Amino acid sequence: KVSFEVIVVDNDEVKTIQKDIRKNYPAIIYLPNSNKGFGQGN
């Protein structure tokens, strides 16, 4: 019931999910990121 947004931070070295996210979930905010750990990604 509550409104929400989804933000995906991609810490993978090879960015393989961006195309599928854009195609299937265009409202998602996709942020490519160099992997500096889970906490930094959050």
Full PDB file with SEQRES, HELIX, SHEET, SSBOND, CRYST1, ORIGX, SCALE, CONECT and MASTER records, all heavy atoms in Angstrom:
SEQRES   1 A   42  LYS VAL SER PHE GLU VAL ILE VAL VAL ASP ASN ASP GLU          
SEQRES   2 A   42  VAL LYS THR ILE GLN LYS ASP ILE ARG LYS ASN TYR PRO          
SEQRES   3 A   42  ALA ILE ILE TYR LEU PRO ASN SER ASN LYS GLY PHE GLY          
SEQRES   4 A   42  GLN GLY ASN                                                  
HELIX    1 AA1 GLN A   18  ASN A   24  1                                   7    
HELIX    2 AA2 PHE A   38  GLY A   41  1                                   4    
SHEET    1 AA1 2 ILE A   7  ASP A  10  0                                        
SHEET    2 AA1 2 ILE A  29  PRO A  32  1                                        
CRYST1    1.000    1.000    1.000  90.00  90.00  90.00 P 1           1          
ORIGX1      1.000000  0.000000  0.000000        0.00000                         
ORIGX2      0.000000  1.000000  0.000000        0.00000                         
ORIGX3      0.000000  0.000000  1.000000        0.00000                         
SCALE1      1.000000  0.000000  0.000000        0.00000                         
SCALE2      0.000000  1.000000  0.000000        0.00000                         
SCALE3      0.000000  0.000000  1.000000        0.00000                         
ATOM      1  N   LYS A   1       0.825  -1.207   0.000  1.00  0.00           N  
ATOM      2  CA  LYS A   1       0.000   0.000   0.000  1.00  0.00           C  
ATOM      3  C   LYS A   1       0.860   1.259   0.000  1.00  0.00           C  
ATOM      4  O   LYS A   1       0.493   2.265  -0.582  1.00  0.00           O  
ATOM      5  CB  LYS A   1      -0.949  -0.011   1.200  1.00  0.00           C  
ATOM      6  CG  LYS A   1      -2.008  -1.090   1.107  1.00  0.00           C  
ATOM      7  CD  LYS A   1      -2.879  -1.134   2.345  1.00  0.00           C  
ATOM      8  CE  LYS A   1      -3.815  -2.329   2.261  1.00  0.00           C  
ATOM      9  NZ  LYS A   1      -4.322  -2.733   3.553  1.00  0.00           N  
ATOM     10  N   VAL A   2       2.000   1.192   0.678  1.00  0.00           N  
ATOM     11  CA  VAL A   2       2.875   2.363   0.729  1.00  0.00           C  
ATOM     12  C   VAL A   2       3.608   2.509  -0.600  1.00  0.00           C  
ATOM     13  O   VAL A   2       3.917   1.527  -1.268  1.00  0.00           O  
ATOM     14  CB  VAL A   2       3.902   2.273   1.889  1.00  0.00           C  
ATOM     15  CG1 VAL A   2       3.211   2.249   3.229  1.00  0.00           C  
ATOM     16  CG2 VAL A   2       4.836   1.105   1.724  1.00  0.00           C  
ATOM     17  N   SER A   3       3.853   3.739  -0.965  1.00  0.00           N  
ATOM     18  CA  SER A   3       4.609   3.979  -2.191  1.00  0.00           C  
ATOM     19  C   SER A   3       6.096   3.710  -1.922  1.00  0.00           C  
ATOM     20  O   SER A   3       6.597   3.967  -0.830  1.00  0.00           O  
ATOM     21  CB  SER A   3       4.401   5.407  -2.676  1.00  0.00           C  
ATOM     22  OG  SER A   3       4.862   6.320  -1.708  1.00  0.00           O  
ATOM     23  N   PHE A   4       6.743   3.164  -2.933  1.00  0.00           N  
ATOM     24  CA  PHE A   4       8.167   2.877  -2.771  1.00  0.00           C  
ATOM     25  C   PHE A   4       8.898   3.036  -4.094  1.00  0.00           C  
ATOM     26  O   PHE A   4       8.309   2.952  -5.162  1.00  0.00           O  
ATOM     27  CB  PHE A   4       8.388   1.472  -2.193  1.00  0.00           C  
ATOM     28  CG  PHE A   4       7.967   0.340  -3.089  1.00  0.00           C  
ATOM     29  CD1 PHE A   4       8.875  -0.258  -3.951  1.00  0.00           C  
ATOM     30  CD2 PHE A   4       6.664  -0.137  -3.056  1.00  0.00           C  
ATOM     31  CE1 PHE A   4       8.489  -1.305  -4.772  1.00  0.00           C  
ATOM     32  CE2 PHE A   4       6.267  -1.190  -3.869  1.00  0.00           C  
ATOM     33  CZ  PHE A   4       7.186  -1.771  -4.734  1.00  0.00           C  
ATOM     34  N   GLU A   5      10.174   3.294  -3.957  1.00  0.00           N  
ATOM     35  CA  GLU A   5      11.075   3.293  -5.097  1.00  0.00           C  
ATOM     36  C   GLU A   5      12.101   2.196  -4.848  1.00  0.00           C  
ATOM     37  O   GLU A   5      12.326   1.797  -3.703  1.00  0.00           O  
ATOM     38  CB  GLU A   5      11.766   4.645  -5.257  1.00  0.00           C  
ATOM     39  CG  GLU A   5      12.749   4.967  -4.142  1.00  0.00           C  
ATOM     40  CD  GLU A   5      13.468   6.288  -4.326  1.00  0.00           C  
ATOM     41  OE1 GLU A   5      13.401   6.894  -5.415  1.00  0.00           O  
ATOM     42  OE2 GLU A   5      14.116   6.732  -3.355  1.00  0.00           O  
ATOM     43  N   VAL A   6      12.702   1.716  -5.918  1.00  0.00           N  
ATOM     44  CA  VAL A   6      13.743   0.703  -5.792  1.00  0.00           C  
ATOM     45  C   VAL A   6      15.029   1.268  -6.383  1.00  0.00           C  
ATOM     46  O   VAL A   6      15.031   1.777  -7.508  1.00  0.00           O  
ATOM     47  CB  VAL A   6      13.361  -0.604  -6.511  1.00  0.00           C  
ATOM     48  CG1 VAL A   6      14.481  -1.623  -6.410  1.00  0.00           C  
ATOM     49  CG2 VAL A   6      12.068  -1.172  -5.926  1.00  0.00           C  
ATOM     50  N   ILE A   7      16.084   1.177  -5.606  1.00  0.00           N  
ATOM     51  CA  ILE A   7      17.409   1.608  -6.036  1.00  0.00           C  
ATOM     52  C   ILE A   7      18.312   0.381  -6.013  1.00  0.00           C  
ATOM     53  O   ILE A   7      18.446  -0.274  -4.976  1.00  0.00           O  
ATOM     54  CB  ILE A   7      17.974   2.699  -5.102  1.00  0.00           C  
ATOM     55  CG1 ILE A   7      17.053   3.918  -5.091  1.00  0.00           C  
ATOM     56  CG2 ILE A   7      19.405   3.071  -5.500  1.00  0.00           C  
ATOM     57  CD1 ILE A   7      17.384   4.949  -4.036  1.00  0.00           C  
ATOM     58  N   VAL A   8      18.895   0.067  -7.156  1.00  0.00           N  
ATOM     59  CA  VAL A   8      19.817  -1.061  -7.253  1.00  0.00           C  
ATOM     60  C   VAL A   8      21.224  -0.515  -7.437  1.00  0.00           C  
ATOM     61  O   VAL A   8      21.482   0.253  -8.372  1.00  0.00           O  
ATOM     62  CB  VAL A   8      19.455  -1.990  -8.425  1.00  0.00           C  
ATOM     63  CG1 VAL A   8      20.527  -3.053  -8.627  1.00  0.00           C  
ATOM     64  CG2 VAL A   8      18.095  -2.641  -8.181  1.00  0.00           C  
ATOM     65  N   VAL A   9      22.106  -0.887  -6.536  1.00  0.00           N  
ATOM     66  CA  VAL A   9      23.515  -0.523  -6.624  1.00  0.00           C  
ATOM     67  C   VAL A   9      24.247  -1.766  -7.110  1.00  0.00           C  
ATOM     68  O   VAL A   9      24.232  -2.799  -6.434  1.00  0.00           O  
ATOM     69  CB  VAL A   9      24.058  -0.048  -5.262  1.00  0.00           C  
ATOM     70  CG1 VAL A   9      25.533   0.312  -5.378  1.00  0.00           C  
ATOM     71  CG2 VAL A   9      23.253   1.133  -4.745  1.00  0.00           C  
ATOM     72  N   ASP A  10      24.848  -1.675  -8.278  1.00  0.00           N  
ATOM     73  CA  ASP A  10      25.501  -2.829  -8.890  1.00  0.00           C  
ATOM     74  C   ASP A  10      26.991  -2.828  -8.553  1.00  0.00           C  
ATOM     75  O   ASP A  10      27.769  -2.095  -9.144  1.00  0.00           O  
ATOM     76  CB  ASP A  10      25.282  -2.804 -10.405  1.00  0.00           C  
ATOM     77  CG  ASP A  10      25.679  -4.108 -11.070  1.00  0.00           C  
ATOM     78  OD1 ASP A  10      26.227  -5.003 -10.387  1.00  0.00           O  
ATOM     79  OD2 ASP A  10      25.438  -4.237 -12.282  1.00  0.00           O  
ATOM     80  N   ASN A  11      27.372  -3.674  -7.590  1.00  0.00           N  
ATOM     81  CA  ASN A  11      28.768  -3.785  -7.161  1.00  0.00           C  
ATOM     82  C   ASN A  11      29.539  -4.836  -7.954  1.00  0.00           C  
ATOM     83  O   ASN A  11      30.714  -5.044  -7.699  1.00  0.00           O  
ATOM     84  CB  ASN A  11      28.839  -4.137  -5.668  1.00  0.00           C  
ATOM     85  CG  ASN A  11      28.850  -2.918  -4.776  1.00  0.00           C  
ATOM     86  OD1 ASN A  11      28.696  -1.799  -5.229  1.00  0.00           O  
ATOM     87  ND2 ASN A  11      29.022  -3.128  -3.486  1.00  0.00           N  
ATOM     88  N   ASP A  12      28.891  -5.507  -8.877  1.00  0.00           N  
ATOM     89  CA  ASP A  12      29.565  -6.539  -9.671  1.00  0.00           C  
ATOM     90  C   ASP A  12      30.644  -5.915 -10.554  1.00  0.00           C  
ATOM     91  O   ASP A  12      30.469  -4.802 -11.057  1.00  0.00           O  
ATOM     92  CB  ASP A  12      28.558  -7.272 -10.564  1.00  0.00           C  
ATOM     93  CG  ASP A  12      28.513  -8.760 -10.280  1.00  0.00           C  
ATOM     94  OD1 ASP A  12      29.437  -9.282  -9.612  1.00  0.00           O  
ATOM     95  OD2 ASP A  12      27.565  -9.410 -10.722  1.00  0.00           O  
ATOM     96  N   GLU A  13      31.736  -6.645 -10.751  1.00  0.00           N  
ATOM     97  CA  GLU A  13      32.796  -6.153 -11.636  1.00  0.00           C  
ATOM     98  C   GLU A  13      32.285  -6.051 -13.072  1.00  0.00           C  
ATOM     99  O   GLU A  13      32.579  -5.096 -13.777  1.00  0.00           O  
ATOM    100  CB  GLU A  13      34.017  -7.101 -11.603  1.00  0.00           C  
ATOM    101  CG  GLU A  13      34.750  -7.116 -10.276  1.00  0.00           C  
ATOM    102  CD  GLU A  13      34.163  -8.117  -9.286  1.00  0.00           C  
ATOM    103  OE1 GLU A  13      33.300  -8.938  -9.661  1.00  0.00           O  
ATOM    104  OE2 GLU A  13      34.567  -8.064  -8.113  1.00  0.00           O  
ATOM    105  N   VAL A  14      31.551  -7.055 -13.516  1.00  0.00           N  
ATOM    106  CA  VAL A  14      30.964  -7.070 -14.851  1.00  0.00           C  
ATOM    107  C   VAL A  14      29.481  -6.732 -14.691  1.00  0.00           C  
ATOM    108  O   VAL A  14      28.752  -7.446 -14.019  1.00  0.00           O  
ATOM    109  CB  VAL A  14      31.145  -8.447 -15.529  1.00  0.00           C  
ATOM    110  CG1 VAL A  14      30.503  -8.442 -16.905  1.00  0.00           C  
ATOM    111  CG2 VAL A  14      32.617  -8.809 -15.606  1.00  0.00           C  
ATOM    112  N   LYS A  15      29.063  -5.638 -15.291  1.00  0.00           N  
ATOM    113  CA  LYS A  15      27.696  -5.142 -15.129  1.00  0.00           C  
ATOM    114  C   LYS A  15      26.751  -5.872 -16.093  1.00  0.00           C  
ATOM    115  O   LYS A  15      26.543  -5.445 -17.218  1.00  0.00           O  
ATOM    116  CB  LYS A  15      27.639  -3.630 -15.371  1.00  0.00           C  
ATOM    117  CG  LYS A  15      28.659  -2.821 -14.598  1.00  0.00           C  
ATOM    118  CD  LYS A  15      28.490  -2.952 -13.105  1.00  0.00           C  
ATOM    119  CE  LYS A  15      29.446  -2.025 -12.366  1.00  0.00           C  
ATOM    120  NZ  LYS A  15      29.839  -2.503 -11.086  1.00  0.00           N  
ATOM    121  N   THR A  16      26.179  -6.995 -15.622  1.00  0.00           N  
ATOM    122  CA  THR A  16      25.352  -7.844 -16.487  1.00  0.00           C  
ATOM    123  C   THR A  16      23.850  -7.620 -16.315  1.00  0.00           C  
ATOM    124  O   THR A  16      23.071  -8.077 -17.132  1.00  0.00           O  
ATOM    125  CB  THR A  16      25.645  -9.325 -16.211  1.00  0.00           C  
ATOM    126  OG1 THR A  16      25.352  -9.605 -14.829  1.00  0.00           O  
ATOM    127  CG2 THR A  16      27.088  -9.677 -16.515  1.00  0.00           C  
ATOM    128  N   ILE A  17      23.436  -6.922 -15.271  1.00  0.00           N  
ATOM    129  CA  ILE A  17      22.004  -6.823 -14.968  1.00  0.00           C  
ATOM    130  C   ILE A  17      21.341  -5.561 -15.508  1.00  0.00           C  
ATOM    131  O   ILE A  17      20.123  -5.475 -15.562  1.00  0.00           O  
ATOM    132  CB  ILE A  17      21.736  -6.925 -13.455  1.00  0.00           C  
ATOM    133  CG1 ILE A  17      22.415  -5.777 -12.706  1.00  0.00           C  
ATOM    134  CG2 ILE A  17      22.162  -8.282 -12.922  1.00  0.00           C  
ATOM    135  CD1 ILE A  17      22.010  -5.657 -11.256  1.00  0.00           C  
ATOM    136  N   GLN A  18      22.126  -4.579 -15.907  1.00  0.00           N  
ATOM    137  CA  GLN A  18      21.567  -3.283 -16.302  1.00  0.00           C  
ATOM    138  C   GLN A  18      20.553  -3.415 -17.432  1.00  0.00           C  
ATOM    139  O   GLN A  18      19.471  -2.835 -17.370  1.00  0.00           O  
ATOM    140  CB  GLN A  18      22.663  -2.314 -16.685  1.00  0.00           C  
ATOM    141  CG  GLN A  18      22.125  -0.939 -17.052  1.00  0.00           C  
ATOM    142  CD  GLN A  18      23.215   0.072 -17.333  1.00  0.00           C  
ATOM    143  OE1 GLN A  18      24.388  -0.261 -17.404  1.00  0.00           O  
ATOM    144  NE2 GLN A  18      22.825   1.314 -17.490  1.00  0.00           N  
ATOM    145  N   LYS A  19      20.873  -4.169 -18.464  1.00  0.00           N  
ATOM    146  CA  LYS A  19      19.977  -4.295 -19.615  1.00  0.00           C  
ATOM    147  C   LYS A  19      18.642  -4.910 -19.198  1.00  0.00           C  
ATOM    148  O   LYS A  19      17.577  -4.428 -19.596  1.00  0.00           O  
ATOM    149  CB  LYS A  19      20.632  -5.155 -20.697  1.00  0.00           C  
ATOM    150  CG  LYS A  19      19.792  -5.255 -21.960  1.00  0.00           C  
ATOM    151  CD  LYS A  19      20.423  -6.183 -22.980  1.00  0.00           C  
ATOM    152  CE  LYS A  19      21.408  -5.404 -23.815  1.00  0.00           C  
ATOM    153  NZ  LYS A  19      21.965  -6.212 -24.920  1.00  0.00           N  
ATOM    154  N   ASP A  20      18.671  -5.970 -18.377  1.00  0.00           N  
ATOM    155  CA  ASP A  20      17.430  -6.615 -17.928  1.00  0.00           C  
ATOM    156  C   ASP A  20      16.615  -5.697 -17.017  1.00  0.00           C  
ATOM    157  O   ASP A  20      15.388  -5.700 -17.065  1.00  0.00           O  
ATOM    158  CB  ASP A  20      17.727  -7.932 -17.212  1.00  0.00           C  
ATOM    159  CG  ASP A  20      18.146  -9.026 -18.176  1.00  0.00           C  
ATOM    160  OD1 ASP A  20      17.728  -8.981 -19.347  1.00  0.00           O  
ATOM    161  OD2 ASP A  20      18.892  -9.925 -17.746  1.00  0.00           O  
ATOM    162  N   ILE A  21      17.291  -4.934 -16.189  1.00  0.00           N  
ATOM    163  CA  ILE A  21      16.568  -3.985 -15.327  1.00  0.00           C  
ATOM    164  C   ILE A  21      15.874  -2.929 -16.181  1.00  0.00           C  
ATOM    165  O   ILE A  21      14.693  -2.645 -15.988  1.00  0.00           O  
ATOM    166  CB  ILE A  21      17.519  -3.329 -14.305  1.00  0.00           C  
ATOM    167  CG1 ILE A  21      17.910  -4.343 -13.228  1.00  0.00           C  
ATOM    168  CG2 ILE A  21      16.865  -2.101 -13.662  1.00  0.00           C  
ATOM    169  CD1 ILE A  21      18.926  -3.836 -12.249  1.00  0.00           C  
ATOM    170  N   ARG A  22      16.603  -2.338 -17.110  1.00  0.00           N  
ATOM    171  CA  ARG A  22      16.020  -1.291 -17.965  1.00  0.00           C  
ATOM    172  C   ARG A  22      14.822  -1.820 -18.754  1.00  0.00           C  
ATOM    173  O   ARG A  22      13.837  -1.121 -18.924  1.00  0.00           O  
ATOM    174  CB  ARG A  22      17.076  -0.756 -18.934  1.00  0.00           C  
ATOM    175  CG  ARG A  22      18.228  -0.076 -18.260  1.00  0.00           C  
ATOM    176  CD  ARG A  22      17.911   1.379 -17.977  1.00  0.00           C  
ATOM    177  NE  ARG A  22      19.086   2.049 -17.457  1.00  0.00           N  
ATOM    178  CZ  ARG A  22      19.162   2.572 -16.246  1.00  0.00           C  
ATOM    179  NH1 ARG A  22      18.139   2.503 -15.435  1.00  0.00           N  
ATOM    180  NH2 ARG A  22      20.247   3.172 -15.837  1.00  0.00           N  
ATOM    181  N   LYS A  23      14.930  -3.059 -19.225  1.00  0.00           N  
ATOM    182  CA  LYS A  23      13.866  -3.651 -20.032  1.00  0.00           C  
ATOM    183  C   LYS A  23      12.648  -4.038 -19.191  1.00  0.00           C  
ATOM    184  O   LYS A  23      11.514  -3.729 -19.552  1.00  0.00           O  
ATOM    185  CB  LYS A  23      14.402  -4.892 -20.749  1.00  0.00           C  
ATOM    186  CG  LYS A  23      13.374  -5.617 -21.576  1.00  0.00           C  
ATOM    187  CD  LYS A  23      13.976  -6.848 -22.223  1.00  0.00           C  
ATOM    188  CE  LYS A  23      12.890  -7.615 -22.960  1.00  0.00           C  
ATOM    189  NZ  LYS A  23      13.393  -8.893 -23.453  1.00  0.00           N  
ATOM    190  N   ASN A  24      12.859  -4.706 -18.068  1.00  0.00           N  
ATOM    191  CA  ASN A  24      11.757  -5.268 -17.284  1.00  0.00           C  
ATOM    192  C   ASN A  24      11.294  -4.401 -16.117  1.00  0.00           C  
ATOM    193  O   ASN A  24      10.173  -4.570 -15.636  1.00  0.00           O  
ATOM    194  CB  ASN A  24      12.159  -6.654 -16.755  1.00  0.00           C  
ATOM    195  CG  ASN A  24      12.450  -7.612 -17.878  1.00  0.00           C  
ATOM    196  OD1 ASN A  24      11.683  -7.723 -18.827  1.00  0.00           O  
ATOM    197  ND2 ASN A  24      13.574  -8.310 -17.794  1.00  0.00           N  
ATOM    198  N   TYR A  25      12.140  -3.508 -15.643  1.00  0.00           N  
ATOM    199  CA  TYR A  25      11.810  -2.658 -14.486  1.00  0.00           C  
ATOM    200  C   TYR A  25      12.306  -1.229 -14.746  1.00  0.00           C  
ATOM    201  O   TYR A  25      13.228  -0.748 -14.078  1.00  0.00           O  
ATOM    202  CB  TYR A  25      12.455  -3.214 -13.213  1.00  0.00           C  
ATOM    203  CG  TYR A  25      12.068  -4.631 -12.891  1.00  0.00           C  
ATOM    204  CD1 TYR A  25      12.871  -5.702 -13.267  1.00  0.00           C  
ATOM    205  CD2 TYR A  25      10.891  -4.900 -12.206  1.00  0.00           C  
ATOM    206  CE1 TYR A  25      12.517  -7.005 -12.965  1.00  0.00           C  
ATOM    207  CE2 TYR A  25      10.525  -6.204 -11.902  1.00  0.00           C  
ATOM    208  CZ  TYR A  25      11.347  -7.250 -12.296  1.00  0.00           C  
ATOM    209  OH  TYR A  25      10.989  -8.540 -11.992  1.00  0.00           O  
ATOM    210  N   PRO A  26      11.723  -0.532 -15.701  1.00  0.00           N  
ATOM    211  CA  PRO A  26      12.250   0.786 -16.077  1.00  0.00           C  
ATOM    212  C   PRO A  26      12.182   1.845 -14.972  1.00  0.00           C  
ATOM    213  O   PRO A  26      12.922   2.828 -15.028  1.00  0.00           O  
ATOM    214  CB  PRO A  26      11.380   1.181 -17.272  1.00  0.00           C  
ATOM    215  CG  PRO A  26      10.158   0.338 -17.174  1.00  0.00           C  
ATOM    216  CD  PRO A  26      10.558  -0.924 -16.486  1.00  0.00           C  
ATOM    217  N   ALA A  27      11.353   1.642 -13.976  1.00  0.00           N  
ATOM    218  CA  ALA A  27      11.242   2.630 -12.890  1.00  0.00           C  
ATOM    219  C   ALA A  27      12.383   2.505 -11.875  1.00  0.00           C  
ATOM    220  O   ALA A  27      12.603   3.419 -11.077  1.00  0.00           O  
ATOM    221  CB  ALA A  27       9.898   2.479 -12.178  1.00  0.00           C  
ATOM    222  N   ILE A  28      13.104   1.407 -11.906  1.00  0.00           N  
ATOM    223  CA  ILE A  28      14.188   1.201 -10.941  1.00  0.00           C  
ATOM    224  C   ILE A  28      15.327   2.174 -11.227  1.00  0.00           C  
ATOM    225  O   ILE A  28      15.692   2.421 -12.375  1.00  0.00           O  
ATOM    226  CB  ILE A  28      14.694  -0.258 -10.994  1.00  0.00           C  
ATOM    227  CG1 ILE A  28      13.668  -1.176 -10.320  1.00  0.00           C  
ATOM    228  CG2 ILE A  28      16.059  -0.403 -10.332  1.00  0.00           C  
ATOM    229  CD1 ILE A  28      14.048  -2.639 -10.331  1.00  0.00           C  
ATOM    230  N   ILE A  29      15.877   2.711 -10.162  1.00  0.00           N  
ATOM    231  CA  ILE A  29      17.064   3.556 -10.260  1.00  0.00           C  
ATOM    232  C   ILE A  29      18.264   2.619 -10.202  1.00  0.00           C  
ATOM    233  O   ILE A  29      18.479   1.930  -9.209  1.00  0.00           O  
ATOM    234  CB  ILE A  29      17.103   4.582  -9.112  1.00  0.00           C  
ATOM    235  CG1 ILE A  29      15.883   5.498  -9.189  1.00  0.00           C  
ATOM    236  CG2 ILE A  29      18.405   5.377  -9.153  1.00  0.00           C  
ATOM    237  CD1 ILE A  29      15.633   6.280  -7.928  1.00  0.00           C  
ATOM    238  N   TYR A  30      19.026   2.571 -11.280  1.00  0.00           N  
ATOM    239  CA  TYR A  30      20.184   1.686 -11.383  1.00  0.00           C  
ATOM    240  C   TYR A  30      21.454   2.506 -11.232  1.00  0.00           C  
ATOM    241  O   TYR A  30      21.663   3.481 -11.961  1.00  0.00           O  
ATOM    242  CB  TYR A  30      20.182   0.959 -12.732  1.00  0.00           C  
ATOM    243  CG  TYR A  30      21.432   0.157 -12.979  1.00  0.00           C  
ATOM    244  CD1 TYR A  30      21.572  -1.120 -12.451  1.00  0.00           C  
ATOM    245  CD2 TYR A  30      22.470   0.673 -13.739  1.00  0.00           C  
ATOM    246  CE1 TYR A  30      22.728  -1.860 -12.672  1.00  0.00           C  
ATOM    247  CE2 TYR A  30      23.628  -0.052 -13.968  1.00  0.00           C  
ATOM    248  CZ  TYR A  30      23.748  -1.313 -13.429  1.00  0.00           C  
ATOM    249  OH  TYR A  30      24.901  -2.045 -13.643  1.00  0.00           O  
ATOM    250  N   LEU A  31      22.302   2.105 -10.275  1.00  0.00           N  
ATOM    251  CA  LEU A  31      23.543   2.823 -10.024  1.00  0.00           C  
ATOM    252  C   LEU A  31      24.725   1.871 -10.144  1.00  0.00           C  
ATOM    253  O   LEU A  31      24.939   1.024  -9.267  1.00  0.00           O  
ATOM    254  CB  LEU A  31      23.527   3.438  -8.619  1.00  0.00           C  
ATOM    255  CG  LEU A  31      22.381   4.390  -8.289  1.00  0.00           C  
ATOM    256  CD1 LEU A  31      22.421   4.786  -6.820  1.00  0.00           C  
ATOM    257  CD2 LEU A  31      22.437   5.614  -9.180  1.00  0.00           C  
ATOM    258  N   PRO A  32      25.502   1.961 -11.223  1.00  0.00           N  
ATOM    259  CA  PRO A  32      26.716   1.149 -11.292  1.00  0.00           C  
ATOM    260  C   PRO A  32      27.709   1.667 -10.257  1.00  0.00           C  
ATOM    261  O   PRO A  32      27.777   2.876  -9.997  1.00  0.00           O  
ATOM    262  CB  PRO A  32      27.216   1.374 -12.719  1.00  0.00           C  
ATOM    263  CG  PRO A  32      26.559   2.618 -13.198  1.00  0.00           C  
ATOM    264  CD  PRO A  32      25.312   2.800 -12.396  1.00  0.00           C  
ATOM    265  N   ASN A  33      28.449   0.750  -9.658  1.00  0.00           N  
ATOM    266  CA  ASN A  33      29.332   1.130  -8.564  1.00  0.00           C  
ATOM    267  C   ASN A  33      30.550   0.215  -8.564  1.00  0.00           C  
ATOM    268  O   ASN A  33      30.434  -0.966  -8.857  1.00  0.00           O  
ATOM    269  CB  ASN A  33      28.565   0.999  -7.233  1.00  0.00           C  
ATOM    270  CG  ASN A  33      29.300   1.603  -6.066  1.00  0.00           C  
ATOM    271  OD1 ASN A  33      29.832   2.699  -6.153  1.00  0.00           O  
ATOM    272  ND2 ASN A  33      29.332   0.887  -4.954  1.00  0.00           N  
ATOM    273  N   SER A  34      31.706   0.757  -8.222  1.00  0.00           N  
ATOM    274  CA  SER A  34      32.858  -0.112  -8.026  1.00  0.00           C  
ATOM    275  C   SER A  34      32.704  -0.749  -6.648  1.00  0.00           C  
ATOM    276  O   SER A  34      32.219  -0.120  -5.713  1.00  0.00           O  
ATOM    277  CB  SER A  34      34.161   0.674  -8.135  1.00  0.00           C  
ATOM    278  OG  SER A  34      34.208   1.693  -7.169  1.00  0.00           O  
ATOM    279  N   ASN A  35      33.081  -1.991  -6.542  1.00  0.00           N  
ATOM    280  CA  ASN A  35      32.845  -2.744  -5.313  1.00  0.00           C  
ATOM    281  C   ASN A  35      33.818  -2.325  -4.220  1.00  0.00           C  
ATOM    282  O   ASN A  35      34.987  -2.699  -4.221  1.00  0.00           O  
ATOM    283  CB  ASN A  35      32.963  -4.250  -5.590  1.00  0.00           C  
ATOM    284  CG  ASN A  35      32.609  -5.073  -4.370  1.00  0.00           C  
ATOM    285  OD1 ASN A  35      32.116  -4.550  -3.377  1.00  0.00           O  
ATOM    286  ND2 ASN A  35      32.845  -6.355  -4.440  1.00  0.00           N  
ATOM    287  N   LYS A  36      33.287  -1.559  -3.284  1.00  0.00           N  
ATOM    288  CA  LYS A  36      34.055  -1.179  -2.097  1.00  0.00           C  
ATOM    289  C   LYS A  36      33.373  -1.728  -0.856  1.00  0.00           C  
ATOM    290  O   LYS A  36      33.523  -1.205   0.238  1.00  0.00           O  
ATOM    291  CB  LYS A  36      34.196   0.335  -2.030  1.00  0.00           C  
ATOM    292  CG  LYS A  36      35.025   0.889  -3.167  1.00  0.00           C  
ATOM    293  CD  LYS A  36      35.154   2.382  -3.092  1.00  0.00           C  
ATOM    294  CE  LYS A  36      35.918   2.862  -4.310  1.00  0.00           C  
ATOM    295  NZ  LYS A  36      35.473   4.169  -4.745  1.00  0.00           N  
ATOM    296  N   GLY A  37      32.568  -2.762  -1.056  1.00  0.00           N  
ATOM    297  CA  GLY A  37      31.918  -3.425   0.065  1.00  0.00           C  
ATOM    298  C   GLY A  37      30.423  -3.156   0.120  1.00  0.00           C  
ATOM    299  O   GLY A  37      29.902  -2.237  -0.506  1.00  0.00           O  
ATOM    300  N   PHE A  38      29.757  -4.009   0.880  1.00  0.00           N  
ATOM    301  CA  PHE A  38      28.310  -3.959   1.026  1.00  0.00           C  
ATOM    302  C   PHE A  38      27.846  -2.652   1.671  1.00  0.00           C  
ATOM    303  O   PHE A  38      26.903  -2.014   1.211  1.00  0.00           O  
ATOM    304  CB  PHE A  38      27.855  -5.164   1.860  1.00  0.00           C  
ATOM    305  CG  PHE A  38      26.378  -5.245   2.079  1.00  0.00           C  
ATOM    306  CD1 PHE A  38      25.520  -5.567   1.043  1.00  0.00           C  
ATOM    307  CD2 PHE A  38      25.842  -5.016   3.333  1.00  0.00           C  
ATOM    308  CE1 PHE A  38      24.150  -5.652   1.241  1.00  0.00           C  
ATOM    309  CE2 PHE A  38      24.470  -5.098   3.548  1.00  0.00           C  
ATOM    310  CZ  PHE A  38      23.625  -5.412   2.496  1.00  0.00           C  
ATOM    311  N   GLY A  39      28.514  -2.241   2.724  1.00  0.00           N  
ATOM    312  CA  GLY A  39      28.134  -1.007   3.420  1.00  0.00           C  
ATOM    313  C   GLY A  39      28.263   0.217   2.529  1.00  0.00           C  
ATOM    314  O   GLY A  39      27.368   1.068   2.493  1.00  0.00           O  
ATOM    315  N   GLN A  40      29.364   0.301   1.796  1.00  0.00           N  
ATOM    316  CA  GLN A  40      29.570   1.430   0.898  1.00  0.00           C  
ATOM    317  C   GLN A  40      28.506   1.437  -0.192  1.00  0.00           C  
ATOM    318  O   GLN A  40      27.993   2.485  -0.561  1.00  0.00           O  
ATOM    319  CB  GLN A  40      30.980   1.371   0.289  1.00  0.00           C  
ATOM    320  CG  GLN A  40      31.354   2.582  -0.539  1.00  0.00           C  
ATOM    321  CD  GLN A  40      31.038   2.445  -2.023  1.00  0.00           C  
ATOM    322  OE1 GLN A  40      30.593   1.413  -2.508  1.00  0.00           O  
ATOM    323  NE2 GLN A  40      31.266   3.524  -2.751  1.00  0.00           N  
ATOM    324  N   GLY A  41      28.154   0.250  -0.695  1.00  0.00           N  
ATOM    325  CA  GLY A  41      27.099   0.158  -1.706  1.00  0.00           C  
ATOM    326  C   GLY A  41      25.776   0.683  -1.180  1.00  0.00           C  
ATOM    327  O   GLY A  41      25.045   1.392  -1.879  1.00  0.00           O  
ATOM    328  N   ASN A  42      25.437   0.339   0.056  1.00  0.00           N  
ATOM    329  CA  ASN A  42      24.207   0.855   0.663  1.00  0.00           C  
ATOM    330  C   ASN A  42      24.255   2.368   0.816  1.00  0.00           C  
ATOM    331  O   ASN A  42      23.250   3.051   0.601  1.00  0.00           O  
ATOM    332  CB  ASN A  42      23.954   0.182   2.012  1.00  0.00           C  
ATOM    333  CG  ASN A  42      23.343  -1.178   1.860  1.00  0.00           C  
ATOM    334  OD1 ASN A  42      22.325  -1.343   1.190  1.00  0.00           O  
ATOM    335  ND2 ASN A  42      23.956  -2.181   2.458  1.00  0.00           N  
TER     336      ASN A  42                                                      
MASTER        0    0    0    2    2    0    0    6  335    1    0    4          
END                                                                             
